[in-house]
Amino acid sequence: MLTEYIRAAMTHATVEWLGDANEFYGEIPECNGVYATADSKEACHNELLEVLEEWILFRVHRHLDLPIIDGVQLSIKEESV
């Protein structure tokens, strides 16, 4: 389910050339705070993927909701021991 969520989120990624800054900028609008910059489009895409993974782990750790993306939902289930 995690891989499916990451794939769905990455389909929403946008990467654009920032000529003034001489770098690429990428973001996933559905995932607030997930953005990256790099010297090449491929590097920006890879950095964006890494940031997305960290963002997911942080939100799971803090028990924060994750947006539903293309019908894919990650939910945190509390289990009693």
C-alpha atoms as a PDB file:
ATOM      1  CA  MET A   1       0.000   0.000   0.000  1.00  0.00           C
ATOM      2  CA  LEU A   2       2.874   2.394   0.743  1.00  0.00           C
ATOM      3  CA  THR A   3       4.412   1.881  -2.698  1.00  0.00           C
ATOM      4  CA  GLU A   4       1.049   2.468  -4.333  1.00  0.00           C
ATOM      5  CA  TYR A   5       0.630   5.698  -2.354  1.00  0.00           C
ATOM      6  CA  ILE A   6       4.094   6.936  -3.323  1.00  0.00           C
ATOM      7  CA  ARG A   7       3.469   6.113  -6.990  1.00  0.00           C
ATOM      8  CA  ALA A   8       0.152   7.956  -6.934  1.00  0.00           C
ATOM      9  CA  ALA A   9       1.701  11.008  -5.273  1.00  0.00           C
ATOM     10  CA  MET A  10       4.599  11.108  -7.736  1.00  0.00           C
ATOM     11  CA  THR A  11       2.174  11.240 -10.663  1.00  0.00           C
ATOM     12  CA  HIS A  12       1.129  14.636  -9.296  1.00  0.00           C
ATOM     13  CA  ALA A  13       4.710  15.901  -9.122  1.00  0.00           C
ATOM     14  CA  THR A  14       5.539  18.959 -11.180  1.00  0.00           C
ATOM     15  CA  VAL A  15       9.087  19.936 -12.079  1.00  0.00           C
ATOM     16  CA  GLU A  16       9.946  23.211 -13.758  1.00  0.00           C
ATOM     17  CA  TRP A  17      13.070  25.077 -14.768  1.00  0.00           C
ATOM     18  CA  LEU A  18      13.769  28.226 -12.765  1.00  0.00           C
ATOM     19  CA  GLY A  19      15.968  30.168 -15.158  1.00  0.00           C
ATOM     20  CA  ASP A  20      16.632  32.991 -12.692  1.00  0.00           C
ATOM     21  CA  ALA A  21      17.925  30.545 -10.103  1.00  0.00           C
ATOM     22  CA  ASN A  22      19.516  28.268 -12.716  1.00  0.00           C
ATOM     23  CA  GLU A  23      17.925  25.137 -11.207  1.00  0.00           C
ATOM     24  CA  PHE A  24      14.890  22.875 -11.368  1.00  0.00           C
ATOM     25  CA  TYR A  25      12.105  23.135  -8.795  1.00  0.00           C
ATOM     26  CA  GLY A  26       9.669  20.314  -8.091  1.00  0.00           C
ATOM     27  CA  GLU A  27       6.689  19.905  -5.817  1.00  0.00           C
ATOM     28  CA  ILE A  28       3.698  17.714  -5.078  1.00  0.00           C
ATOM     29  CA  PRO A  29       0.842  20.154  -4.434  1.00  0.00           C
ATOM     30  CA  GLU A  30      -1.317  17.564  -2.640  1.00  0.00           C
ATOM     31  CA  CYS A  31       1.458  17.000  -0.093  1.00  0.00           C
ATOM     32  CA  ASN A  32       1.973  20.320   1.634  1.00  0.00           C
ATOM     33  CA  GLY A  33       5.679  20.989   2.140  1.00  0.00           C
ATOM     34  CA  VAL A  34       6.969  18.386  -0.314  1.00  0.00           C
ATOM     35  CA  TYR A  35       9.291  20.246  -2.666  1.00  0.00           C
ATOM     36  CA  ALA A  36      12.852  20.015  -3.947  1.00  0.00           C
ATOM     37  CA  THR A  37      15.429  21.822  -6.067  1.00  0.00           C
ATOM     38  CA  ALA A  38      18.337  20.424  -8.063  1.00  0.00           C
ATOM     39  CA  ASP A  39      20.628  21.081 -11.022  1.00  0.00           C
ATOM     40  CA  SER A  40      18.891  18.595 -13.338  1.00  0.00           C
ATOM     41  CA  LYS A  41      15.315  17.460 -13.871  1.00  0.00           C
ATOM     42  CA  GLU A  42      16.182  13.865 -12.991  1.00  0.00           C
ATOM     43  CA  ALA A  43      18.002  14.895  -9.812  1.00  0.00           C
ATOM     44  CA  CYS A  44      15.056  17.082  -8.819  1.00  0.00           C
ATOM     45  CA  HIS A  45      12.658  14.186  -9.360  1.00  0.00           C
ATOM     46  CA  ASN A  46      14.850  11.881  -7.243  1.00  0.00           C
ATOM     47  CA  GLU A  47      15.151  14.480  -4.482  1.00  0.00           C
ATOM     48  CA  LEU A  48      11.395  14.987  -4.556  1.00  0.00           C
ATOM     49  CA  LEU A  49      10.856  11.250  -4.079  1.00  0.00           C
ATOM     50  CA  GLU A  50      13.204  11.261  -1.086  1.00  0.00           C
ATOM     51  CA  VAL A  51      11.433  14.258   0.463  1.00  0.00           C
ATOM     52  CA  LEU A  52       8.066  12.560  -0.073  1.00  0.00           C
ATOM     53  CA  GLU A  53       9.253   9.427   1.745  1.00  0.00           C
ATOM     54  CA  GLU A  54      10.518  11.491   4.689  1.00  0.00           C
ATOM     55  CA  TRP A  55       7.286  13.514   4.738  1.00  0.00           C
ATOM     56  CA  ILE A  56       5.206  10.329   4.908  1.00  0.00           C
ATOM     57  CA  LEU A  57       7.324   8.880   7.727  1.00  0.00           C
ATOM     58  CA  PHE A  58       7.135  12.135   9.691  1.00  0.00           C
ATOM     59  CA  ARG A  59       3.347  12.320   9.355  1.00  0.00           C
ATOM     60  CA  VAL A  60       2.942   8.668  10.327  1.00  0.00           C
ATOM     61  CA  HIS A  61       5.226   9.161  13.337  1.00  0.00           C
ATOM     62  CA  ARG A  62       3.197  12.190  14.455  1.00  0.00           C
ATOM     63  CA  HIS A  63      -0.150  10.470  13.740  1.00  0.00           C
ATOM     64  CA  LEU A  64      -1.047  13.185  11.228  1.00  0.00           C
ATOM     65  CA  ASP A  65      -3.492  12.546   8.424  1.00  0.00           C
ATOM     66  CA  LEU A  66      -2.206  11.932   4.928  1.00  0.00           C
ATOM     67  CA  PRO A  67      -4.181  13.199   1.944  1.00  0.00           C
ATOM     68  CA  ILE A  68      -6.028  10.689  -0.191  1.00  0.00           C
ATOM     69  CA  ILE A  69      -4.372  10.695  -3.610  1.00  0.00           C
ATOM     70  CA  ASP A  70      -6.142   9.166  -6.600  1.00  0.00           C
ATOM     71  CA  GLY A  71      -8.239   7.075  -4.242  1.00  0.00           C
ATOM     72  CA  VAL A  72      -5.208   5.703  -2.411  1.00  0.00           C
ATOM     73  CA  GLN A  73      -5.323   6.241   1.325  1.00  0.00           C
ATOM     74  CA  LEU A  74      -2.781   5.450   3.993  1.00  0.00           C
ATOM     75  CA  SER A  75      -4.249   5.212   7.448  1.00  0.00           C
ATOM     76  CA  ILE A  76      -2.620   4.678  10.794  1.00  0.00           C
ATOM     77  CA  LYS A  77      -4.239   2.014  12.910  1.00  0.00           C
ATOM     78  CA  GLU A  78      -3.668   1.945  16.623  1.00  0.00           C
ATOM     79  CA  GLU A  79      -3.144  -1.539  17.969  1.00  0.00           C
ATOM     80  CA  SER A  80      -3.471  -2.413  21.613  1.00  0.00           C
ATOM     81  CA  VAL A  81      -0.858  -4.638  23.135  1.00  0.00           C
END
